[in-house]
Each structure stands twice: as structure tokens, then as C-alpha cells.
């Protein structure tokens, strides 16, 4: 499975209408693109632990989109609903970071990291 993980913080200056546009774009992409196997959106929780201050940037939200294959992720990235969402991120996000990961159950960890552990 491939996970497309996007961490982001919308600009504080966004109007209510612009914030609603973000939500609508996220909903449309998650609903309209059949290659998305699972979509989860989360808001950051601060619990008072030291690790919360680590990292080069602080992000308020996360979107975790799961795909069965790299091909499905490529289709998603080229879909018109994703294009609209991407345009919003260029103008509406204060900070954003996106990465793609191959994800396995913990029992399947050894083959995934074999080249890493053999160095």
C-alpha cells in the first residue's frame, strides 16, 4: 500500500469562504477519485510532550490518503479534483509538506527495511 501524507497549516488570514472552499476541495477529492482506498483527515492534538516542539515546522492538519499501488497514486495526482486541491494549497496554505510512503503491517517490516538494515 502507498500512503500519501500531507501535513499543512492554512493561512490564518483565510476568510470563512476560503476555509469552506478548502473543506469542499478535500471532500470532493476524497469522494470523486475512486483510486483512493482510504482517506483520513486529522487535526493536531497538543498533549504537552517535548516531541511536539521538534521539527522545522508546526502543522495543524494531516491528510492521509491510502492507495493500493503507485499507479493508483499517479492517477490520483493527475485527477482534476486533485488539481483543484493543489491550486488551493499553493495559495491557501501557510506551510505544507507532502510525502509518499510504502506502508506494511508490522509483521511485514523485515522485507521493507532489508536494504536499510543490511548497510
N, C-alpha and C. Protein backbone atom coordinates (compact mmCIF):
# COMPACT_ATOMS: atom_id res chain seq x y z
N UNK A 1 0.85 -1.17 0.00
CA UNK A 1 0.00 0.00 0.00
C UNK A 1 0.89 1.23 0.00
N UNK A 2 0.43 2.28 -0.66
CA UNK A 2 1.12 3.56 -0.70
C UNK A 2 0.28 4.58 0.07
N UNK A 3 0.92 5.29 0.98
CA UNK A 3 0.25 6.35 1.73
C UNK A 3 0.79 7.70 1.27
N UNK A 4 -0.12 8.57 0.90
CA UNK A 4 0.20 9.95 0.53
C UNK A 4 -0.15 10.78 1.76
N UNK A 5 0.87 11.33 2.41
CA UNK A 5 0.66 12.03 3.67
C UNK A 5 0.97 13.51 3.47
N UNK A 6 -0.02 14.34 3.78
CA UNK A 6 0.13 15.78 3.61
C UNK A 6 -0.10 16.45 4.97
N UNK A 7 0.92 17.15 5.43
CA UNK A 7 0.82 17.95 6.64
C UNK A 7 0.67 19.41 6.19
N UNK A 8 -0.25 20.13 6.82
CA UNK A 8 -0.47 21.51 6.37
C UNK A 8 -1.10 22.37 7.45
N UNK A 9 -0.86 23.66 7.29
CA UNK A 9 -1.50 24.68 8.12
C UNK A 9 -2.05 25.74 7.17
N UNK A 10 -3.37 25.95 7.18
CA UNK A 10 -3.93 27.02 6.34
C UNK A 10 -3.47 28.38 6.85
N UNK A 11 -3.43 29.34 5.94
CA UNK A 11 -3.09 30.70 6.33
C UNK A 11 -4.12 31.23 7.31
N UNK A 12 -3.66 31.91 8.35
CA UNK A 12 -4.56 32.48 9.35
C UNK A 12 -5.47 33.54 8.75
N UNK A 13 -5.03 34.15 7.66
CA UNK A 13 -5.79 35.24 7.05
C UNK A 13 -6.93 34.77 6.15
N UNK A 14 -7.13 33.47 6.01
CA UNK A 14 -8.20 32.99 5.13
C UNK A 14 -9.56 33.40 5.65
N UNK A 15 -10.41 33.78 4.74
CA UNK A 15 -11.79 34.11 5.10
C UNK A 15 -12.57 32.83 5.38
N UNK A 16 -13.75 32.98 5.93
CA UNK A 16 -14.62 31.83 6.17
C UNK A 16 -14.92 31.14 4.84
N UNK A 17 -15.18 31.89 3.80
CA UNK A 17 -15.47 31.31 2.48
C UNK A 17 -14.28 30.52 1.96
N UNK A 18 -13.08 31.03 2.15
CA UNK A 18 -11.88 30.31 1.70
C UNK A 18 -11.66 29.04 2.51
N UNK A 19 -11.95 29.08 3.79
CA UNK A 19 -11.83 27.87 4.62
C UNK A 19 -12.85 26.82 4.18
N UNK A 20 -14.04 27.27 3.86
CA UNK A 20 -15.07 26.34 3.36
C UNK A 20 -14.67 25.75 2.01
N UNK A 21 -14.00 26.56 1.20
CA UNK A 21 -13.51 26.07 -0.10
C UNK A 21 -12.48 24.95 0.11
N UNK A 22 -11.61 25.11 1.08
CA UNK A 22 -10.64 24.06 1.40
C UNK A 22 -11.36 22.77 1.75
N UNK A 23 -12.31 22.86 2.66
CA UNK A 23 -13.05 21.68 3.08
C UNK A 23 -13.77 21.05 1.90
N UNK A 24 -14.41 21.86 1.08
CA UNK A 24 -15.12 21.33 -0.09
C UNK A 24 -14.15 20.65 -1.05
N UNK A 25 -12.97 21.23 -1.29
CA UNK A 25 -11.99 20.62 -2.17
C UNK A 25 -11.51 19.28 -1.62
N UNK A 26 -11.27 19.21 -0.33
CA UNK A 26 -10.86 17.95 0.30
C UNK A 26 -11.97 16.90 0.16
N UNK A 27 -13.19 17.30 0.44
CA UNK A 27 -14.31 16.36 0.33
C UNK A 27 -14.48 15.87 -1.10
N UNK A 28 -14.40 16.77 -2.06
CA UNK A 28 -14.57 16.38 -3.47
C UNK A 28 -13.49 15.39 -3.89
N UNK A 29 -12.24 15.69 -3.55
CA UNK A 29 -11.15 14.80 -3.94
C UNK A 29 -11.34 13.41 -3.33
N UNK A 30 -11.69 13.37 -2.05
CA UNK A 30 -11.85 12.08 -1.37
C UNK A 30 -13.06 11.30 -1.89
N UNK A 31 -14.07 12.00 -2.34
CA UNK A 31 -15.29 11.36 -2.84
C UNK A 31 -15.19 11.01 -4.32
N UNK A 32 -14.55 11.87 -5.11
CA UNK A 32 -14.59 11.75 -6.57
C UNK A 32 -13.51 10.87 -7.18
N UNK A 33 -12.48 10.56 -6.44
CA UNK A 33 -11.35 9.83 -7.02
C UNK A 33 -11.40 8.38 -6.53
N UNK A 34 -11.83 7.46 -7.39
CA UNK A 34 -12.05 6.09 -6.95
C UNK A 34 -10.78 5.34 -6.55
N UNK A 35 -9.62 5.82 -6.96
CA UNK A 35 -8.37 5.14 -6.61
C UNK A 35 -8.01 5.29 -5.13
N UNK A 36 -8.62 6.25 -4.45
CA UNK A 36 -8.34 6.41 -3.02
C UNK A 36 -9.00 5.26 -2.28
N UNK A 37 -8.17 4.44 -1.67
CA UNK A 37 -8.68 3.28 -0.92
C UNK A 37 -9.26 3.73 0.43
N UNK A 38 -8.56 4.66 1.06
CA UNK A 38 -8.99 5.15 2.36
C UNK A 38 -8.45 6.57 2.53
N UNK A 39 -9.27 7.45 3.08
CA UNK A 39 -8.86 8.84 3.32
C UNK A 39 -9.20 9.21 4.75
N UNK A 40 -8.19 9.75 5.42
CA UNK A 40 -8.40 10.22 6.79
C UNK A 40 -7.80 11.62 6.91
N UNK A 41 -8.53 12.48 7.58
CA UNK A 41 -8.08 13.85 7.81
C UNK A 41 -8.05 14.05 9.32
N UNK A 42 -7.00 14.69 9.82
CA UNK A 42 -6.90 14.89 11.26
C UNK A 42 -6.44 16.29 11.61
N UNK A 43 -6.77 16.68 12.82
CA UNK A 43 -6.33 17.97 13.35
C UNK A 43 -5.38 17.69 14.51
N UNK A 44 -4.32 18.45 14.58
CA UNK A 44 -3.28 18.22 15.57
C UNK A 44 -3.82 18.33 17.00
N UNK A 45 -3.33 17.45 17.83
CA UNK A 45 -3.64 17.47 19.25
C UNK A 45 -2.36 17.75 20.01
N UNK A 46 -2.39 18.68 20.90
CA UNK A 46 -1.22 19.00 21.71
C UNK A 46 -1.42 18.43 23.10
N UNK A 47 -0.49 17.56 23.50
CA UNK A 47 -0.62 16.83 24.75
C UNK A 47 0.41 17.24 25.80
N UNK A 48 1.33 18.13 25.43
CA UNK A 48 2.30 18.62 26.39
C UNK A 48 3.61 17.85 26.43
N UNK A 49 3.92 17.04 25.42
CA UNK A 49 5.17 16.29 25.39
C UNK A 49 6.23 17.04 24.59
N UNK A 50 7.49 16.81 24.92
CA UNK A 50 8.60 17.52 24.31
C UNK A 50 8.70 17.35 22.81
N UNK A 51 8.31 16.20 22.30
CA UNK A 51 8.43 15.98 20.85
C UNK A 51 7.56 16.92 20.04
N UNK A 52 6.57 17.50 20.67
CA UNK A 52 5.66 18.40 19.93
C UNK A 52 6.37 19.63 19.38
N UNK A 53 7.48 20.02 19.98
CA UNK A 53 8.21 21.20 19.53
C UNK A 53 9.30 20.86 18.52
N UNK A 54 9.51 19.57 18.27
CA UNK A 54 10.57 19.15 17.34
C UNK A 54 10.13 19.38 15.90
N UNK A 55 11.11 19.48 15.04
CA UNK A 55 10.83 19.62 13.62
C UNK A 55 10.94 21.05 13.15
N UNK A 56 11.12 21.21 11.84
CA UNK A 56 11.33 22.54 11.30
C UNK A 56 10.06 23.38 11.19
N UNK A 57 8.90 22.74 11.23
CA UNK A 57 7.64 23.48 11.09
C UNK A 57 6.57 22.80 11.92
N UNK A 58 5.58 23.56 12.29
CA UNK A 58 4.43 23.04 13.02
C UNK A 58 3.25 22.98 12.05
N UNK A 59 2.54 21.88 12.05
CA UNK A 59 1.41 21.70 11.14
C UNK A 59 0.14 21.49 11.94
N UNK A 60 -0.96 22.07 11.49
CA UNK A 60 -2.23 21.99 12.19
C UNK A 60 -3.08 20.80 11.75
N UNK A 61 -2.92 20.36 10.50
CA UNK A 61 -3.75 19.29 9.95
C UNK A 61 -2.90 18.25 9.23
N UNK A 62 -3.47 17.06 9.09
CA UNK A 62 -2.87 16.00 8.30
C UNK A 62 -3.95 15.37 7.43
N UNK A 63 -3.57 15.04 6.20
CA UNK A 63 -4.42 14.23 5.32
C UNK A 63 -3.62 12.99 4.99
N UNK A 64 -4.21 11.83 5.26
CA UNK A 64 -3.56 10.55 4.97
C UNK A 64 -4.44 9.82 3.97
N UNK A 65 -3.93 9.69 2.74
CA UNK A 65 -4.66 9.03 1.68
C UNK A 65 -3.93 7.74 1.33
N UNK A 66 -4.66 6.63 1.30
CA UNK A 66 -4.05 5.34 1.04
C UNK A 66 -4.47 4.83 -0.33
N UNK A 67 -3.51 4.22 -1.03
CA UNK A 67 -3.71 3.70 -2.38
C UNK A 67 -3.18 2.27 -2.45
N UNK A 68 -3.80 1.47 -3.30
CA UNK A 68 -3.35 0.09 -3.46
C UNK A 68 -2.02 -0.02 -4.19
N UNK A 69 -1.70 0.98 -5.02
CA UNK A 69 -0.49 0.89 -5.84
C UNK A 69 0.04 2.27 -6.17
N UNK A 70 1.27 2.30 -6.66
CA UNK A 70 1.85 3.56 -7.14
C UNK A 70 1.04 4.09 -8.31
N UNK A 71 0.59 3.19 -9.16
CA UNK A 71 -0.21 3.60 -10.32
C UNK A 71 -1.46 4.34 -9.86
N UNK A 72 -2.14 3.82 -8.83
CA UNK A 72 -3.33 4.49 -8.31
C UNK A 72 -2.99 5.89 -7.77
N UNK A 73 -1.83 6.02 -7.11
CA UNK A 73 -1.41 7.33 -6.62
C UNK A 73 -1.17 8.28 -7.79
N UNK A 74 -0.52 7.79 -8.85
CA UNK A 74 -0.28 8.63 -10.03
C UNK A 74 -1.60 9.10 -10.64
N UNK A 75 -2.58 8.21 -10.72
CA UNK A 75 -3.89 8.58 -11.26
C UNK A 75 -4.52 9.66 -10.39
N UNK A 76 -4.45 9.49 -9.08
CA UNK A 76 -4.97 10.50 -8.14
C UNK A 76 -4.31 11.85 -8.37
N UNK A 77 -2.98 11.85 -8.48
CA UNK A 77 -2.24 13.11 -8.60
C UNK A 77 -2.57 13.85 -9.90
N UNK A 78 -3.06 13.14 -10.92
CA UNK A 78 -3.40 13.76 -12.19
C UNK A 78 -4.90 14.04 -12.34
N UNK A 79 -5.69 13.65 -11.36
CA UNK A 79 -7.14 13.82 -11.42
C UNK A 79 -7.50 15.30 -11.28
N UNK A 80 -8.53 15.77 -11.99
CA UNK A 80 -8.95 17.19 -11.88
C UNK A 80 -9.29 17.62 -10.45
N UNK A 81 -9.86 16.74 -9.64
CA UNK A 81 -10.18 17.11 -8.25
C UNK A 81 -8.91 17.36 -7.45
N UNK A 82 -7.85 16.59 -7.73
CA UNK A 82 -6.58 16.82 -7.05
C UNK A 82 -5.95 18.11 -7.56
N UNK A 83 -6.08 18.39 -8.84
CA UNK A 83 -5.54 19.62 -9.41
C UNK A 83 -6.16 20.83 -8.71
N UNK A 84 -7.47 20.81 -8.50
CA UNK A 84 -8.15 21.91 -7.81
C UNK A 84 -7.64 22.03 -6.37
N UNK A 85 -7.47 20.91 -5.71
CA UNK A 85 -6.97 20.91 -4.34
C UNK A 85 -5.54 21.46 -4.31
N UNK A 86 -4.72 21.05 -5.26
CA UNK A 86 -3.35 21.52 -5.33
C UNK A 86 -3.26 23.02 -5.52
N UNK A 87 -4.16 23.57 -6.35
CA UNK A 87 -4.19 25.02 -6.54
C UNK A 87 -4.48 25.72 -5.22
N UNK A 88 -5.42 25.17 -4.45
CA UNK A 88 -5.74 25.77 -3.17
C UNK A 88 -4.51 25.77 -2.26
N UNK A 89 -3.77 24.66 -2.23
CA UNK A 89 -2.60 24.59 -1.35
C UNK A 89 -1.55 25.64 -1.71
N UNK A 90 -1.41 25.94 -2.99
CA UNK A 90 -0.41 26.93 -3.39
C UNK A 90 -0.75 28.32 -2.89
N UNK A 91 -2.01 28.64 -2.74
CA UNK A 91 -2.38 29.98 -2.30
C UNK A 91 -2.92 30.03 -0.87
N UNK A 92 -3.44 28.92 -0.36
CA UNK A 92 -4.12 28.95 0.92
C UNK A 92 -3.37 28.35 2.09
N UNK A 93 -2.27 27.67 1.83
CA UNK A 93 -1.53 27.04 2.94
C UNK A 93 -0.39 27.94 3.37
N UNK A 94 -0.27 28.10 4.67
CA UNK A 94 0.87 28.83 5.24
C UNK A 94 2.11 27.96 5.12
N UNK A 95 2.00 26.70 5.52
CA UNK A 95 3.05 25.70 5.35
C UNK A 95 2.40 24.39 4.95
N UNK A 96 3.11 23.61 4.14
CA UNK A 96 2.61 22.30 3.73
C UNK A 96 3.79 21.40 3.40
N UNK A 97 3.59 20.12 3.61
CA UNK A 97 4.61 19.13 3.32
C UNK A 97 3.90 17.86 2.88
N UNK A 98 4.32 17.29 1.77
CA UNK A 98 3.71 16.05 1.28
C UNK A 98 4.80 15.02 1.03
N UNK A 99 4.54 13.79 1.45
CA UNK A 99 5.46 12.68 1.21
C UNK A 99 4.63 11.43 0.93
N UNK A 100 5.24 10.50 0.19
CA UNK A 100 4.60 9.23 -0.12
C UNK A 100 5.42 8.11 0.51
N UNK A 101 4.72 7.14 1.10
CA UNK A 101 5.37 6.05 1.81
C UNK A 101 4.77 4.72 1.41
N UNK A 102 5.62 3.72 1.28
CA UNK A 102 5.12 2.35 1.19
C UNK A 102 4.83 1.91 2.61
N UNK A 103 3.62 1.40 2.83
CA UNK A 103 3.16 1.04 4.17
C UNK A 103 2.89 -0.46 4.23
N UNK A 104 3.34 -1.10 5.31
CA UNK A 104 3.06 -2.52 5.53
C UNK A 104 2.62 -2.71 6.98
N UNK A 105 1.97 -3.83 7.25
CA UNK A 105 1.70 -4.20 8.64
C UNK A 105 3.03 -4.49 9.31
N UNK A 106 3.10 -4.33 10.61
CA UNK A 106 4.35 -4.53 11.33
C UNK A 106 4.95 -5.91 11.07
N UNK A 107 4.12 -6.91 10.86
CA UNK A 107 4.63 -8.27 10.59
C UNK A 107 5.40 -8.33 9.27
N UNK A 108 5.16 -7.37 8.36
CA UNK A 108 5.85 -7.35 7.08
C UNK A 108 7.01 -6.38 7.04
N UNK A 109 7.49 -5.96 8.19
CA UNK A 109 8.53 -4.94 8.26
C UNK A 109 9.87 -5.40 7.69
N UNK A 110 10.30 -6.62 7.96
CA UNK A 110 11.64 -7.08 7.57
C UNK A 110 11.93 -6.90 6.08
N UNK A 111 11.06 -7.36 5.17
CA UNK A 111 11.38 -7.15 3.75
C UNK A 111 11.41 -5.66 3.36
N UNK A 112 10.58 -4.86 3.98
CA UNK A 112 10.51 -3.44 3.66
C UNK A 112 11.82 -2.73 3.99
N UNK A 113 12.45 -3.09 5.09
CA UNK A 113 13.66 -2.40 5.53
C UNK A 113 14.93 -3.21 5.33
N UNK A 114 14.86 -4.30 4.57
CA UNK A 114 16.02 -5.19 4.40
C UNK A 114 17.24 -4.43 3.89
N UNK A 115 17.09 -3.61 2.88
CA UNK A 115 18.25 -2.88 2.36
C UNK A 115 18.78 -1.87 3.38
N UNK A 116 17.94 -1.35 4.23
CA UNK A 116 18.34 -0.39 5.25
C UNK A 116 19.13 -1.08 6.36
N UNK A 117 18.68 -2.26 6.77
CA UNK A 117 19.32 -2.96 7.89
C UNK A 117 20.58 -3.70 7.48
N UNK A 118 20.81 -3.86 6.19
CA UNK A 118 21.99 -4.60 5.72
C UNK A 118 23.15 -3.69 5.38
N UNK A 119 23.02 -2.41 5.60
CA UNK A 119 24.09 -1.47 5.29
C UNK A 119 25.13 -1.45 6.39
